[in-house]
N, C-alpha and C. Protein backbone atom coordinates (compact mmCIF):
# COMPACT_ATOMS: atom_id res chain seq x y z
N UNK A 1 5.16 92.93 177.31
CA UNK A 1 5.93 91.51 178.18
C UNK A 1 7.29 91.93 177.43
N UNK A 2 8.43 91.74 178.53
CA UNK A 2 9.71 92.21 178.22
C UNK A 2 10.39 91.10 177.85
N UNK A 3 11.78 91.23 177.32
CA UNK A 3 12.11 89.82 177.00
C UNK A 3 12.66 89.11 178.25
N UNK A 4 12.96 89.77 179.50
CA UNK A 4 12.96 88.84 180.81
C UNK A 4 12.12 88.13 181.25
N UNK A 5 10.72 88.73 180.80
CA UNK A 5 9.27 87.72 181.15
C UNK A 5 9.18 86.56 180.52
N UNK A 6 9.72 86.98 179.02
CA UNK A 6 9.41 86.04 178.06
C UNK A 6 10.47 84.50 178.66
N UNK A 7 11.76 84.67 178.56
CA UNK A 7 12.49 83.84 178.95
C UNK A 7 12.24 83.05 180.43
N UNK A 8 11.46 83.56 181.58
CA UNK A 8 10.99 83.05 182.42
C UNK A 8 9.66 82.42 182.27
N UNK A 9 8.76 82.13 181.31
CA UNK A 9 7.44 81.74 181.31
C UNK A 9 7.77 80.01 180.49
N UNK A 10 6.72 79.46 180.79
CA UNK A 10 7.33 78.27 180.11
C UNK A 10 7.29 77.88 178.82
N UNK A 11 8.17 77.01 178.22
CA UNK A 11 8.09 76.60 176.83
C UNK A 11 7.63 75.75 176.31
N UNK A 12 6.75 75.66 175.22
CA UNK A 12 5.62 74.42 174.80
C UNK A 12 7.05 73.27 174.50
N UNK A 13 6.31 72.24 174.52
CA UNK A 13 7.30 70.82 174.56
C UNK A 13 8.03 71.11 173.03
N UNK A 14 7.19 71.37 171.86
CA UNK A 14 8.00 71.48 170.49
C UNK A 14 9.13 72.24 170.65
N UNK A 15 9.27 73.47 171.10
CA UNK A 15 10.12 74.32 171.18
C UNK A 15 11.14 73.92 172.22
N UNK A 16 10.83 73.08 173.24
CA UNK A 16 11.99 72.53 173.71
C UNK A 16 12.81 71.71 173.25
N UNK A 17 12.27 70.73 172.31
CA UNK A 17 12.60 69.80 171.53
C UNK A 17 13.70 70.73 170.62
N UNK A 18 13.32 71.25 169.98
CA UNK A 18 14.18 72.24 169.08
C UNK A 18 15.22 73.04 169.62
N UNK A 19 14.88 73.45 170.71
CA UNK A 19 16.13 74.25 171.90
C UNK A 19 17.27 73.21 171.40
N UNK A 20 16.97 72.09 171.99
CA UNK A 20 17.75 71.10 172.37
C UNK A 20 18.73 70.40 170.81
N UNK A 21 17.86 70.64 169.93
CA UNK A 21 18.60 70.31 168.99
C UNK A 21 19.50 71.52 168.30
N UNK A 22 18.97 72.50 168.86
CA UNK A 22 19.93 73.51 168.67
C UNK A 22 21.20 73.85 169.08
N UNK A 23 21.07 73.31 170.56
CA UNK A 23 22.27 73.17 171.35
C UNK A 23 23.30 72.26 170.88
N UNK A 24 22.94 70.87 170.74
CA UNK A 24 23.35 69.91 169.74
C UNK A 24 24.20 70.03 168.55
N UNK A 25 23.41 70.66 167.80
CA UNK A 25 24.02 71.56 166.50
C UNK A 25 25.26 72.26 166.82
N UNK A 26 24.69 73.12 167.56
CA UNK A 26 25.94 74.52 167.92
C UNK A 26 27.31 73.47 168.64
N UNK A 27 27.06 72.40 169.38
CA UNK A 27 28.30 71.87 169.99
C UNK A 27 29.10 71.09 169.40
N UNK A 28 28.47 70.37 168.17
CA UNK A 28 28.87 69.64 167.17
C UNK A 28 29.76 70.70 166.16
N UNK A 29 29.20 71.66 165.99
CA UNK A 29 30.24 72.60 164.92
C UNK A 29 31.17 73.23 165.95
N UNK A 30 31.03 73.46 167.29
CA UNK A 30 32.14 74.06 168.03
C UNK A 30 33.10 73.09 168.11
N UNK A 31 32.71 71.86 168.29
CA UNK A 31 34.03 71.15 168.65
C UNK A 31 34.47 70.62 167.32
N UNK A 32 33.93 70.89 166.12
CA UNK A 32 34.73 70.51 164.72
C UNK A 32 35.55 71.91 164.69
N UNK A 33 35.25 72.96 165.02
CA UNK A 33 35.92 73.99 165.19
C UNK A 33 36.93 74.10 165.65
N UNK A 34 37.13 73.58 167.10
CA UNK A 34 37.83 73.45 168.03
C UNK A 34 38.77 72.34 167.84
N UNK A 35 38.63 71.33 166.97
CA UNK A 35 39.34 70.37 166.65
C UNK A 35 40.88 70.62 166.46
N UNK A 36 41.94 69.81 166.80
CA UNK A 36 43.59 69.93 167.08
C UNK A 36 43.90 69.62 165.62
N UNK A 37 43.18 69.23 164.92
CA UNK A 37 43.90 68.82 163.45
C UNK A 37 43.36 70.03 162.46
N UNK A 38 44.19 69.79 161.05
CA UNK A 38 43.80 70.46 159.94
C UNK A 38 42.52 69.91 159.61
N UNK A 39 41.30 70.54 159.10
CA UNK A 39 40.25 70.15 158.64
C UNK A 39 40.08 70.89 157.21
N UNK A 40 39.54 70.01 156.30
CA UNK A 40 39.26 70.57 154.94
C UNK A 40 38.27 71.97 155.03
N UNK A 41 38.75 72.87 153.97
CA UNK A 41 37.70 74.18 154.24
C UNK A 41 36.40 73.84 154.13
N UNK A 42 35.83 73.17 153.62
CA UNK A 42 34.40 72.90 153.31
C UNK A 42 33.67 72.30 154.50
N UNK A 43 34.68 71.83 155.29
CA UNK A 43 34.34 71.01 156.89
C UNK A 43 34.34 72.00 157.85
N UNK A 44 35.27 73.27 157.55
CA UNK A 44 35.22 74.17 158.79
C UNK A 44 34.10 75.04 158.13
N UNK A 45 33.87 75.36 156.98
CA UNK A 45 32.80 76.26 156.62
C UNK A 45 31.28 75.67 156.92
N UNK A 46 30.99 74.25 156.91
CA UNK A 46 30.03 73.89 157.24
C UNK A 46 30.09 73.69 158.86
N UNK A 47 30.88 73.76 159.89
CA UNK A 47 31.01 73.92 161.20
C UNK A 47 30.57 75.19 161.63
N UNK A 48 30.93 76.37 160.75
CA UNK A 48 30.28 77.56 161.42
C UNK A 48 28.91 77.66 160.90
N UNK A 49 28.30 77.09 159.72
CA UNK A 49 26.94 77.10 159.71
C UNK A 49 26.20 76.47 160.75
N UNK A 50 26.65 75.46 161.17
CA UNK A 50 26.23 74.53 162.19
C UNK A 50 26.20 75.29 163.61
N UNK A 51 27.35 75.97 163.94
CA UNK A 51 26.98 77.03 165.16
C UNK A 51 26.04 78.03 165.26
N UNK A 52 26.38 78.69 163.84
CA UNK A 52 25.11 79.85 163.89
C UNK A 52 23.89 79.31 163.79
N UNK A 53 23.30 78.29 163.03
CA UNK A 53 22.21 77.52 163.06
C UNK A 53 21.86 76.94 164.39
N UNK A 54 22.65 76.67 165.22
CA UNK A 54 22.34 75.86 166.50
C UNK A 54 21.99 77.20 167.13
N UNK A 55 22.79 78.05 167.26
CA UNK A 55 22.66 79.30 168.23
C UNK A 55 21.59 79.93 168.08
N UNK A 56 21.18 80.07 166.66
CA UNK A 56 19.64 81.01 166.56
C UNK A 56 18.51 80.17 166.73
N UNK A 57 18.57 78.95 166.71
CA UNK A 57 17.35 77.73 166.79
C UNK A 57 17.19 77.89 168.27
N UNK A 58 18.29 77.99 169.22
CA UNK A 58 18.09 77.85 170.51
C UNK A 58 17.57 78.81 171.19
N UNK A 59 17.94 79.96 170.57
CA UNK A 59 17.71 81.43 171.00
C UNK A 59 16.12 81.68 170.80
N UNK A 60 15.76 81.26 169.35
CA UNK A 60 14.22 81.53 169.08
C UNK A 60 13.17 80.57 169.94
N UNK A 61 13.58 79.52 169.73
CA UNK A 61 13.02 78.44 170.67
C UNK A 61 13.02 78.71 172.04
N UNK A 62 13.86 79.34 172.70
CA UNK A 62 13.94 79.77 174.49
C UNK A 62 12.68 80.80 174.61
N UNK A 63 12.98 81.70 173.32
CA UNK A 63 11.97 82.74 173.44
C UNK A 63 10.57 82.79 173.27
N UNK A 64 10.05 81.47 173.02
CA UNK A 64 8.78 81.15 172.62
C UNK A 64 8.22 80.88 173.88
N UNK A 65 6.79 81.37 174.19
CA UNK A 65 6.14 81.27 175.32
C UNK A 65 4.61 80.49 175.12
N UNK A 66 4.27 79.77 175.96
CA UNK A 66 2.77 79.06 175.84
C UNK A 66 2.26 79.99 176.70
N UNK A 67 1.09 80.49 175.84
CA UNK A 67 0.47 82.00 176.58
C UNK A 67 -1.06 81.34 176.63
N UNK A 68 -1.32 81.37 178.00
CA UNK A 68 -2.93 81.05 177.97
C UNK A 68 -3.70 82.10 177.35
N UNK A 69 -4.84 81.76 176.75
CA UNK A 69 -5.68 82.42 175.89
C UNK A 69 -7.26 82.79 176.76
N UNK A 70 -7.19 83.79 177.01
CA UNK A 70 -9.03 83.61 177.72
C UNK A 70 -9.84 83.48 176.34
N UNK A 71 -10.86 83.02 176.95
CA UNK A 71 -12.13 82.60 175.73
C UNK A 71 -13.10 83.68 176.00
N UNK A 72 -13.48 84.00 174.60
CA UNK A 72 -13.98 85.50 174.32
C UNK A 72 -15.38 85.12 175.20
N UNK A 73 -15.99 86.00 176.03
CA UNK A 73 -16.96 86.41 176.62
C UNK A 73 -18.43 85.93 175.71
N UNK A 74 -18.93 85.37 176.09
CA UNK A 74 -20.64 85.29 175.09
C UNK A 74 -21.50 86.34 175.15
N UNK A 75 -22.06 87.05 174.62
CA UNK A 75 -23.11 88.09 174.75
C UNK A 75 -24.23 87.34 174.38
N UNK A 76 -25.15 87.25 175.40
CA UNK A 76 -26.45 86.39 175.30
C UNK A 76 -27.62 87.06 174.72
N UNK A 77 -27.31 88.82 174.72
CA UNK A 77 -28.15 89.49 174.14
C UNK A 77 -27.72 90.45 173.06
N UNK A 78 -27.06 89.40 171.96
CA UNK A 78 -26.91 90.10 170.76
C UNK A 78 -28.29 90.40 169.86
N UNK A 79 -27.87 91.68 169.12
CA UNK A 79 -28.82 92.26 168.31
C UNK A 79 -28.90 91.29 167.07
N UNK A 80 -29.79 90.84 166.64
CA UNK A 80 -29.72 90.20 165.17
C UNK A 80 -30.58 91.01 164.54
N UNK A 81 -30.45 91.63 163.46
CA UNK A 81 -31.15 92.28 162.54
C UNK A 81 -31.26 91.74 161.25
C-alpha cells in the first residue's frame, strides 16, 4: 500500500480526534508566531514547538488507517500427535 492509498482510506475515530487536536495546536502556535506584537522569547519558543507538534500529530494521525483483518481459516482436519 502506498502513501496515497493510506490517505484515501478511512481513519479510526481516535485518530480523527488526534488529528483535529493537532490542527488546533498548530493553529494556536501559528497565531502566536504571527502576532503583531513583541512576545517574550519563551512564548515564541513554545509557539514554535506547538506548531511542530501539531503538524506531526496531524500528519501521523491522518496516515493511520482502519484495516479490515480477515479471520484465519480454521482447518477441521488438524493432525494431533
